[in-house]
């Protein structure tokens, strides 16, 4: 007999039918007459209760059925005698696939701290919390691909190893096969990257955007979804060294089109989560964040307010708030400023546009005022910025001038500049940090808890 997933079994009306279930024991309790086994296989946050009549089974047969053990159980589906679920399994046969020593298994009790669970990232998916988060990650990944596929976008695989720095931040992980104990150097004493695998200095990418633009200027509408890396020595709850990005790039699109796409995209994803992940969201709402579901509904029930950066600065300066980070025109906004605009002033999601050019990347289209660029940031409650994007500069001369102004090596950008030499077109795009999205959708407070194996400074254990 083949295994039936617990998710399917809990919805089944085939009472009196025999089924096989397999999974990991969450708890076992009982007395000399009956034993109750709570089993979970990861298909749902809910357990199936397996009832063993101790007149049929001996304690010796069940001695290895402890928390954490993996079992195969065969039994009859019956109406549940207790509350909480409609059906349960009356046990007929049991097999232990793998034992879990009660003296050493680290998930014996409930209420472990998030810090402790990060130390056992290889086991934490077996907890309710991380099972829910991982199912949400899957659902959001699927929804992202479905959204863009249904809109006619093409999924583009951009390189993980790159010779360019999209953001100009310089905080990149170097990729090399050079012998670190015998590094070759040229006549000036600098590292001779000509002897490296690629014949030049290369790094792990911080973004697929620039390559995505190349695709958009041929296929019109593309998106990337892949891992990105940043060697930023930061240990905040909002930073990872390895994270995933979704980056659409669209030809013949201006800033208004870009805002429309971002709003539609985010509302689609959150609506998908509410409609397809209700059990996991209810658990996370009840256990971690009592306002989670209402906050998700807040986003899908409100049009996003579109606000000029200059107007936002005036609002922040006129407020009676005492800011940890002083605010004035020309400064980049911090989370406290972004959340004030969303949660207290406008009381709806906000898209800030037209930022000062001096605080934004070289590729953003310059406005006619000579001071601002057609940038946009989408701001959400609780987390602040969730999307950053812009209309891209399609004019060769303006782009070249900006590259020179920011001292970006032209020799590394010739291919990017070629797209402005040959058949340039207006185009726009944005980036959504996947883990930032999962933070918002799950209600978790630390970004390390929404990715299976977090990579942070001095932490690459698994």
Protein backbone atom coordinates (compact mmCIF):
# COMPACT_ATOMS: atom_id res chain seq x y z
CA UNK A 1 0.00 0.00 0.00
CA UNK A 2 1.34 3.43 -0.93
CA UNK A 3 1.75 6.27 1.52
CA UNK A 4 -0.95 8.95 1.73
CA UNK A 5 0.09 12.48 2.67
CA UNK A 6 -1.26 13.70 5.98
CA UNK A 7 -2.59 16.86 4.32
CA UNK A 8 -4.80 14.72 2.09
CA UNK A 9 -5.79 12.35 4.86
CA UNK A 10 -7.06 15.09 7.16
CA UNK A 11 -9.51 16.15 4.43
CA UNK A 12 -10.56 12.60 3.55
CA UNK A 13 -14.08 11.28 4.13
CA UNK A 14 -13.08 7.64 3.57
CA UNK A 15 -13.74 6.53 7.13
CA UNK A 16 -13.28 2.78 7.51
CA UNK A 17 -10.57 2.61 4.83
CA UNK A 18 -7.01 1.49 5.55
CA UNK A 19 -4.18 3.94 4.85
CA UNK A 20 -0.41 4.13 5.21
CA UNK A 21 1.14 7.27 6.66
CA UNK A 22 4.82 8.03 7.15
CA UNK A 23 6.46 10.87 8.98
CA UNK A 24 8.16 12.09 12.13
CA UNK A 25 6.76 11.71 15.61
CA UNK A 26 5.99 15.00 17.30
CA UNK A 27 4.73 13.54 20.57
CA UNK A 28 3.62 10.29 22.10
CA UNK A 29 1.46 10.13 25.19
CA UNK A 30 -1.00 7.75 26.77
CA UNK A 31 -1.54 5.18 29.49
CA UNK A 32 -1.60 1.41 29.89
CA UNK A 33 -4.76 1.17 27.75
CA UNK A 34 -4.09 3.48 24.83
CA UNK A 35 -1.22 5.38 23.22
CA UNK A 36 -1.61 8.54 21.13
CA UNK A 37 1.04 9.36 18.52
CA UNK A 38 1.09 12.79 16.84
CA UNK A 39 2.65 12.38 13.40
CA UNK A 40 3.73 15.04 10.90
CA UNK A 41 5.14 14.57 7.40
CA UNK A 42 5.68 18.22 6.44
CA UNK A 43 2.79 18.36 3.96
CA UNK A 44 0.78 20.49 6.41
CA UNK A 45 1.27 22.18 9.74
CA UNK A 46 -1.33 19.84 11.23
CA UNK A 47 -0.51 16.43 12.71
CA UNK A 48 -2.52 13.25 12.27
CA UNK A 49 -3.29 11.46 15.50
CA UNK A 50 -2.54 7.74 15.51
CA UNK A 51 -4.29 5.74 18.23
CA UNK A 52 -2.70 2.48 19.38
CA UNK A 53 -4.85 0.10 21.44
CA UNK A 54 -2.42 -1.27 24.05
CA UNK A 55 -4.36 -4.51 24.20
CA UNK A 56 -3.06 -5.10 20.65
CA UNK A 57 0.44 -3.59 20.97
CA UNK A 58 3.07 -4.07 23.64
CA UNK A 59 5.21 -1.34 25.12
CA UNK A 60 8.22 -3.15 23.65
CA UNK A 61 6.78 -2.68 20.15
CA UNK A 62 6.36 1.07 20.74
CA UNK A 63 9.46 1.81 22.83
CA UNK A 64 11.28 3.43 19.88
CA UNK A 65 8.31 5.60 18.95
CA UNK A 66 9.67 8.72 20.60
CA UNK A 67 9.73 12.40 19.63
CA UNK A 68 11.79 12.81 16.49
CA UNK A 69 11.61 9.17 15.37
CA UNK A 70 10.53 8.42 11.81
CA UNK A 71 7.81 5.79 11.41
CA UNK A 72 5.53 4.08 8.92
CA UNK A 73 2.05 3.39 10.26
CA UNK A 74 -0.77 1.39 8.72
CA UNK A 75 -4.25 1.77 10.10
CA UNK A 76 -7.93 2.48 9.57
CA UNK A 77 -9.22 6.01 9.19
CA UNK A 78 -11.85 6.61 11.89
CA UNK A 79 -13.83 9.56 13.18
CA UNK A 80 -11.84 11.36 15.85
CA UNK A 81 -13.10 11.06 19.42
CA UNK A 82 -11.37 14.28 20.46
CA UNK A 83 -11.49 17.88 19.32
CA UNK A 84 -9.16 19.56 16.84
CA UNK A 85 -9.54 17.26 13.84
CA UNK A 86 -12.28 15.23 12.24
CA UNK A 87 -10.38 11.99 11.68
CA UNK A 88 -7.58 9.93 13.15
CA UNK A 89 -5.84 6.61 12.46
CA UNK A 90 -6.57 3.45 14.40
CA UNK A 91 -3.20 1.70 14.32
CA UNK A 92 -2.84 -1.79 12.85
CA UNK A 93 0.89 -2.03 12.00
CA UNK A 94 3.91 0.11 12.76
CA UNK A 95 7.51 0.21 11.55
CA UNK A 96 10.25 2.49 12.85
CA UNK A 97 12.37 3.80 9.97
CA UNK A 98 14.75 5.71 12.21
CA UNK A 99 15.01 6.20 15.96
CA UNK A 100 15.74 9.44 17.81
CA UNK A 101 17.46 9.08 21.18
CA UNK A 102 15.32 10.96 23.74
CA UNK A 103 18.48 11.84 25.68
CA UNK A 104 20.16 13.67 22.79
CA UNK A 105 17.47 14.70 20.28
CA UNK A 106 17.50 18.52 20.58
CA UNK A 107 13.82 19.12 19.78
CA UNK A 108 12.34 17.25 22.73
CA UNK A 109 10.45 20.23 24.10
CA UNK A 110 8.53 23.21 22.78
CA UNK A 111 9.47 26.86 23.13
CA UNK A 112 13.06 26.82 21.84
CA UNK A 113 14.47 30.27 21.11
CA UNK A 114 15.08 31.37 17.53
CA UNK A 115 18.78 31.74 18.39
CA UNK A 116 19.00 28.12 19.50
CA UNK A 117 17.17 26.89 16.42
CA UNK A 118 19.60 28.76 14.14
CA UNK A 119 22.36 26.64 15.66
CA UNK A 120 20.58 23.49 14.50
CA UNK A 121 19.41 24.70 11.09
CA UNK A 122 19.64 21.11 9.84
CA UNK A 123 16.82 20.09 12.21
CA UNK A 124 14.73 23.23 12.60
CA UNK A 125 12.54 22.49 9.52
CA UNK A 126 10.89 19.82 11.70
CA UNK A 127 9.41 22.47 13.97
CA UNK A 128 5.98 23.94 13.26
CA UNK A 129 7.44 27.40 12.78
CA UNK A 130 10.04 26.53 10.19
CA UNK A 131 7.82 24.04 8.43
CA UNK A 132 5.35 26.90 7.94
CA UNK A 133 8.06 29.28 6.72
CA UNK A 134 9.44 26.77 4.22
CA UNK A 135 5.99 26.02 2.83
CA UNK A 136 5.45 29.78 2.45
CA UNK A 137 8.79 30.09 0.60
CA UNK A 138 7.65 27.40 -1.81
CA UNK A 139 4.24 28.99 -2.35
CA UNK A 140 5.74 32.43 -2.98
CA UNK A 141 8.34 30.98 -5.37
CA UNK A 142 5.61 29.28 -7.37
CA UNK A 143 3.42 32.40 -7.35
CA UNK A 144 6.29 34.54 -8.64
CA UNK A 145 6.85 32.29 -11.63
CA UNK A 146 3.11 31.99 -12.26
CA UNK A 147 2.60 35.76 -12.15
CA UNK A 148 5.28 36.51 -14.72
CA UNK A 149 4.52 33.51 -16.91
CA UNK A 150 0.85 34.47 -17.10
CA UNK A 151 1.85 38.02 -18.10
CA UNK A 152 4.05 36.77 -20.93
CA UNK A 153 7.43 37.46 -19.33
CA UNK A 154 10.44 35.25 -20.03
CA UNK A 155 12.46 33.79 -17.16
CA UNK A 156 16.11 34.69 -17.74
CA UNK A 157 19.02 32.98 -15.98
CA UNK A 158 21.63 35.62 -15.28
CA UNK A 159 25.20 34.74 -14.21
CA UNK A 160 26.18 34.13 -10.61
CA UNK A 161 29.84 34.76 -11.42
CA UNK A 162 30.37 38.26 -12.78
CA UNK A 163 33.07 40.75 -13.66
CA UNK A 164 30.91 43.80 -12.89
CA UNK A 165 29.52 45.43 -9.77
CA UNK A 166 25.92 46.43 -10.40
CA UNK A 167 25.54 48.72 -7.40
CA UNK A 168 29.07 50.11 -7.31
CA UNK A 169 29.31 49.21 -3.63
CA UNK A 170 32.40 47.07 -3.95
CA UNK A 171 31.21 44.68 -1.21
CA UNK A 172 31.51 41.50 -3.27
CA UNK A 173 32.81 37.98 -2.72
CA UNK A 174 35.79 37.29 -4.94
CA UNK A 175 35.81 34.15 -7.09
CA UNK A 176 39.29 32.79 -7.75
CA UNK A 177 41.31 29.62 -8.30
CA UNK A 178 44.59 31.36 -7.49
CA UNK A 179 46.71 29.69 -4.80
CA UNK A 180 46.26 31.95 -1.78
CA UNK A 181 49.62 30.71 -0.45
CA UNK A 182 51.41 31.72 -3.63
CA UNK A 183 49.50 34.58 -5.25
CA UNK A 184 50.97 35.69 -8.61
CA UNK A 185 51.75 39.38 -8.92
CA UNK A 186 52.60 41.63 -11.84
CA UNK A 187 55.59 43.99 -12.10
CA UNK A 188 53.77 46.62 -10.01
CA UNK A 189 53.12 44.16 -7.19
CA UNK A 190 49.38 43.91 -7.83
CA UNK A 191 47.61 40.56 -8.02
CA UNK A 192 47.94 39.21 -11.55
CA UNK A 193 44.37 38.17 -12.31
CA UNK A 194 45.40 37.36 -15.87
CA UNK A 195 46.61 34.05 -14.40
CA UNK A 196 43.25 33.40 -12.74
CA UNK A 197 40.64 30.98 -14.11
CA UNK A 198 38.70 33.64 -16.03
CA UNK A 199 41.73 35.75 -16.86
CA UNK A 200 40.31 38.69 -14.92
CA UNK A 201 38.99 39.61 -11.49
CA UNK A 202 35.55 38.08 -10.88
CA UNK A 203 33.06 37.98 -8.02
CA UNK A 204 29.71 36.55 -6.97
CA UNK A 205 26.92 38.76 -8.28
CA UNK A 206 25.06 41.30 -6.17
CA UNK A 207 22.27 41.56 -8.75
CA UNK A 208 21.12 40.15 -12.07
CA UNK A 209 19.74 43.52 -13.15
CA UNK A 210 22.34 44.62 -15.69
CA UNK A 211 22.19 41.31 -17.53
CA UNK A 212 18.41 41.40 -17.21
CA UNK A 213 18.41 44.69 -19.08
CA UNK A 214 20.20 43.00 -21.97
CA UNK A 215 17.38 40.46 -22.13
CA UNK A 216 14.66 43.11 -21.96
CA UNK A 217 16.27 44.96 -24.89
CA UNK A 218 15.72 41.87 -27.01
CA UNK A 219 12.73 39.99 -25.55
CA UNK A 220 10.88 43.06 -24.20
CA UNK A 221 9.79 41.51 -20.87
CA UNK A 222 12.03 39.32 -18.73
CA UNK A 223 12.56 38.53 -15.07
CA UNK A 224 15.34 36.97 -13.06
CA UNK A 225 14.96 34.98 -9.85
CA UNK A 226 18.14 33.69 -8.32
CA UNK A 227 20.74 33.90 -5.56
CA UNK A 228 22.75 37.07 -5.01
CA UNK A 229 25.60 37.81 -2.63
CA UNK A 230 26.90 40.75 -0.67
CA UNK A 231 30.04 40.76 1.48
CA UNK A 232 28.68 43.32 3.92
CA UNK A 233 29.93 42.80 7.47
CA UNK A 234 26.52 43.33 9.01
CA UNK A 235 24.82 41.32 11.74
CA UNK A 236 21.46 43.08 11.75
CA UNK A 237 18.13 41.19 11.58
CA UNK A 238 17.70 42.56 8.02
CA UNK A 239 20.93 41.46 6.33
CA UNK A 240 22.20 38.23 4.76
CA UNK A 241 25.36 37.53 2.81
CA UNK A 242 23.45 35.19 0.48
CA UNK A 243 19.90 36.02 -0.51
CA UNK A 244 17.51 35.67 -3.45
CA UNK A 245 16.29 38.44 -5.74
CA UNK A 246 13.43 38.79 -8.21
CA UNK A 247 14.20 41.40 -10.85
CA UNK A 248 11.85 42.14 -13.76
CA UNK A 249 13.12 44.31 -16.62
CA UNK A 250 10.67 45.70 -19.16
CA UNK A 251 11.31 47.49 -22.44
CA UNK A 252 9.08 50.39 -23.53
CA UNK A 253 8.23 51.00 -19.87
CA UNK A 254 8.48 54.26 -17.92
CA UNK A 255 8.38 54.99 -14.20
CA UNK A 256 4.57 54.93 -14.07
CA UNK A 257 4.47 51.54 -15.79
CA UNK A 258 7.10 50.31 -13.31
CA UNK A 259 5.01 51.41 -10.34
CA UNK A 260 1.92 49.73 -11.79
CA UNK A 261 3.80 46.45 -12.23
CA UNK A 262 5.27 46.55 -8.71
CA UNK A 263 1.88 47.20 -7.10
CA UNK A 264 0.14 44.49 -9.11
CA UNK A 265 2.95 42.03 -8.40
CA UNK A 266 3.01 42.53 -4.63
CA UNK A 267 -0.74 42.41 -4.24
CA UNK A 268 -0.88 39.24 -6.35
CA UNK A 269 1.71 37.50 -4.15
CA UNK A 270 0.05 38.45 -0.89
CA UNK A 271 -3.39 37.49 -2.17
CA UNK A 272 -1.94 34.14 -3.27
CA UNK A 273 -0.53 33.56 0.22
CA UNK A 274 -3.83 34.38 1.90
CA UNK A 275 -5.75 32.08 -0.44
CA UNK A 276 -3.33 29.14 -0.50
CA UNK A 277 -1.41 29.19 2.80
CA UNK A 278 -4.20 29.92 5.28
CA UNK A 279 -3.26 27.22 7.82
CA UNK A 280 0.38 28.28 8.01
CA UNK A 281 -0.53 31.97 8.16
CA UNK A 282 -3.04 31.34 10.95
CA UNK A 283 -0.39 29.49 12.95
CA UNK A 284 2.17 32.28 12.47
CA UNK A 285 -0.46 34.89 13.25
CA UNK A 286 -1.47 33.15 16.48
CA UNK A 287 2.04 32.27 17.64
CA UNK A 288 4.24 35.18 16.53
CA UNK A 289 2.40 38.20 15.19
CA UNK A 290 -1.24 38.82 16.09
CA UNK A 291 -1.52 41.50 13.37
CA UNK A 292 0.00 39.45 10.53
CA UNK A 293 -3.17 38.56 8.62
CA UNK A 294 -4.71 42.01 9.08
CA UNK A 295 -1.47 43.57 7.78
CA UNK A 296 -1.53 41.35 4.70
CA UNK A 297 -5.14 42.29 4.07
CA UNK A 298 -4.19 45.96 4.54
CA UNK A 299 -1.80 45.71 1.58
CA UNK A 300 -4.24 44.05 -0.83
CA UNK A 301 -7.16 46.30 0.16
CA UNK A 302 -5.40 49.63 -0.40
CA UNK A 303 -4.08 51.33 -3.52
CA UNK A 304 -0.45 52.35 -3.04
CA UNK A 305 0.07 56.06 -2.46
CA UNK A 306 2.58 57.58 -4.91
CA UNK A 307 4.62 60.33 -3.30
CA UNK A 308 7.50 62.45 -4.54
CA UNK A 309 10.63 62.19 -2.40
CA UNK A 310 10.69 65.98 -1.93
CA UNK A 311 7.12 65.95 -0.61
CA UNK A 312 7.97 63.08 1.74
CA UNK A 313 10.89 65.04 3.19
CA UNK A 314 8.59 67.98 3.90
CA UNK A 315 6.14 65.68 5.68
CA UNK A 316 8.90 64.12 7.80
CA UNK A 317 10.41 67.50 8.68
CA UNK A 318 7.00 68.85 9.67
CA UNK A 319 6.17 65.89 11.93
CA UNK A 320 6.64 66.09 15.69
CA UNK A 321 8.70 62.88 15.69
CA UNK A 322 12.20 62.79 17.14
CA UNK A 323 14.18 60.80 14.61
CA UNK A 324 17.12 58.61 15.47
CA UNK A 325 18.49 59.56 12.05
CA UNK A 326 17.98 63.26 11.18
CA UNK A 327 16.20 63.79 7.88
CA UNK A 328 16.70 66.49 5.25
CA UNK A 329 16.58 66.76 1.46
CA UNK A 330 19.40 64.71 0.02
CA UNK A 331 19.53 62.07 2.76
CA UNK A 332 18.54 58.47 2.18
CA UNK A 333 15.50 57.52 4.22
CA UNK A 334 15.79 55.03 7.07
CA UNK A 335 13.26 52.44 8.17
CA UNK A 336 11.85 54.75 10.85
CA UNK A 337 11.04 57.39 8.21
CA UNK A 338 9.57 54.88 5.77
CA UNK A 339 7.35 53.26 8.39
CA UNK A 340 6.07 56.65 9.58
CA UNK A 341 4.94 57.50 6.07
CA UNK A 342 3.16 54.16 5.66
CA UNK A 343 1.79 53.47 9.13
CA UNK A 344 1.04 56.93 10.50
CA UNK A 345 0.81 59.54 7.76
CA UNK A 346 -0.74 57.90 4.68
CA UNK A 347 -1.97 54.72 6.38
CA UNK A 348 -1.43 52.72 3.21
CA UNK A 349 1.54 51.33 1.25
CA UNK A 350 3.63 54.09 -0.31
CA UNK A 351 5.75 54.34 -3.46
CA UNK A 352 8.38 57.07 -3.14
CA UNK A 353 9.70 58.44 -6.44
CA UNK A 354 12.20 60.95 -7.84
CA UNK A 355 15.08 60.57 -5.40
CA UNK A 356 18.20 62.79 -5.40
CA UNK A 357 20.60 61.51 -8.05
CA UNK A 358 23.56 61.63 -5.64
CA UNK A 359 22.19 58.84 -3.45
CA UNK A 360 21.15 56.51 -6.28
CA UNK A 361 22.90 54.18 -8.73
CA UNK A 362 24.49 55.25 -12.02
CA UNK A 363 21.96 53.52 -14.27
CA UNK A 364 18.86 55.44 -13.15
CA UNK A 365 17.29 57.86 -15.64
CA UNK A 366 17.97 61.49 -14.82
CA UNK A 367 15.11 63.95 -14.57
CA UNK A 368 15.20 67.27 -16.38
CA UNK A 369 15.82 69.15 -13.12
CA UNK A 370 19.38 67.81 -13.08
CA UNK A 371 19.03 66.92 -9.37
CA UNK A 372 16.80 63.85 -9.25
CA UNK A 373 16.40 60.49 -10.95
CA UNK A 374 13.35 58.40 -11.79
CA UNK A 375 13.82 56.01 -8.92
CA UNK A 376 11.11 54.33 -6.88
CA UNK A 377 10.97 52.54 -3.55
CA UNK A 378 7.89 50.63 -2.41
CA UNK A 379 7.33 50.97 1.34
CA UNK A 380 5.33 48.53 3.47
CA UNK A 381 4.19 48.54 7.09
CA UNK A 382 6.55 47.03 9.67
CA UNK A 383 9.53 46.55 7.33
CA UNK A 384 9.81 49.76 5.29
CA UNK A 385 11.33 49.35 1.82
CA UNK A 386 10.41 46.08 0.11
CA UNK A 387 11.12 46.99 -3.55
CA UNK A 388 13.67 49.32 -5.11
CA UNK A 389 13.67 50.19 -8.80
CA UNK A 390 13.81 52.84 -11.46
CA UNK A 391 13.38 53.82 -15.03
CA UNK A 392 16.79 53.09 -16.55
CA UNK A 393 18.88 55.70 -18.37
CA UNK A 394 18.63 54.86 -22.08
CA UNK A 395 20.64 57.85 -23.34
CA UNK A 396 24.24 56.86 -24.11
CA UNK A 397 25.82 60.26 -23.42
CA UNK A 398 24.06 60.73 -20.09
CA UNK A 399 24.88 57.20 -18.99
CA UNK A 400 28.52 57.58 -19.98
CA UNK A 401 28.79 60.87 -18.12
CA UNK A 402 27.36 59.26 -14.99
CA UNK A 403 29.74 56.28 -15.22
CA UNK A 404 32.70 58.65 -15.49
CA UNK A 405 31.39 60.81 -12.66
CA UNK A 406 31.15 57.78 -10.36
CA UNK A 407 34.57 56.45 -11.46
CA UNK A 408 33.18 53.16 -12.73
CA UNK A 409 35.77 51.49 -15.04
CA UNK A 410 34.51 51.80 -18.62
CA UNK A 411 36.44 48.68 -19.61
CA UNK A 412 34.12 46.63 -17.43
CA UNK A 413 30.94 48.23 -18.78
CA UNK A 414 31.49 48.22 -22.58
CA UNK A 415 28.86 45.53 -23.09
CA UNK A 416 26.28 47.45 -21.06
CA UNK A 417 27.02 50.65 -22.97
CA UNK A 418 26.60 48.78 -26.26
CA UNK A 419 22.88 48.44 -25.57
CA UNK A 420 22.69 52.25 -25.59
CA UNK A 421 24.74 52.44 -28.78
CA UNK A 422 22.64 49.99 -30.75
CA UNK A 423 18.86 50.27 -30.68
CA UNK A 424 18.43 51.80 -27.23
CA UNK A 425 14.90 51.94 -25.86
CA UNK A 426 13.13 53.29 -22.79
CA UNK A 427 12.98 50.58 -20.14
CA UNK A 428 12.38 50.09 -16.42
CA UNK A 429 12.74 47.48 -13.72
CA UNK A 430 12.96 46.79 -10.02
CA UNK A 431 14.30 44.33 -7.48
CA UNK A 432 12.39 42.50 -4.78
CA UNK A 433 14.44 40.80 -2.10
CA UNK A 434 12.78 37.41 -1.69
CA UNK A 435 13.68 37.06 1.99
CA UNK A 436 12.35 40.57 2.64
CA UNK A 437 9.07 39.43 1.10
CA UNK A 438 8.99 36.27 3.23
CA UNK A 439 9.68 38.37 6.34
CA UNK A 440 6.60 40.42 5.57
CA UNK A 441 4.36 37.49 4.63
CA UNK A 442 5.40 35.29 7.58
CA UNK A 443 5.56 37.94 10.30
CA UNK A 444 8.97 36.71 11.41
CA UNK A 445 11.28 39.36 12.87
CA UNK A 446 14.72 38.16 11.75
CA UNK A 447 15.71 37.54 8.14
CA UNK A 448 17.84 34.57 9.24
CA UNK A 449 14.63 32.76 10.08
CA UNK A 450 13.09 32.91 6.60
CA UNK A 451 15.87 31.17 4.65
CA UNK A 452 16.75 27.50 5.22
CA UNK A 453 20.48 28.00 5.81
CA UNK A 454 21.43 31.61 6.61
CA UNK A 455 24.79 32.95 5.48
CA UNK A 456 25.99 35.78 7.69
CA UNK A 457 29.38 37.04 8.90
CA UNK A 458 31.29 34.13 10.51
CA UNK A 459 28.43 31.73 9.86
CA UNK A 460 28.45 29.16 7.05
CA UNK A 461 27.96 26.05 9.13
CA UNK A 462 25.75 23.94 6.90
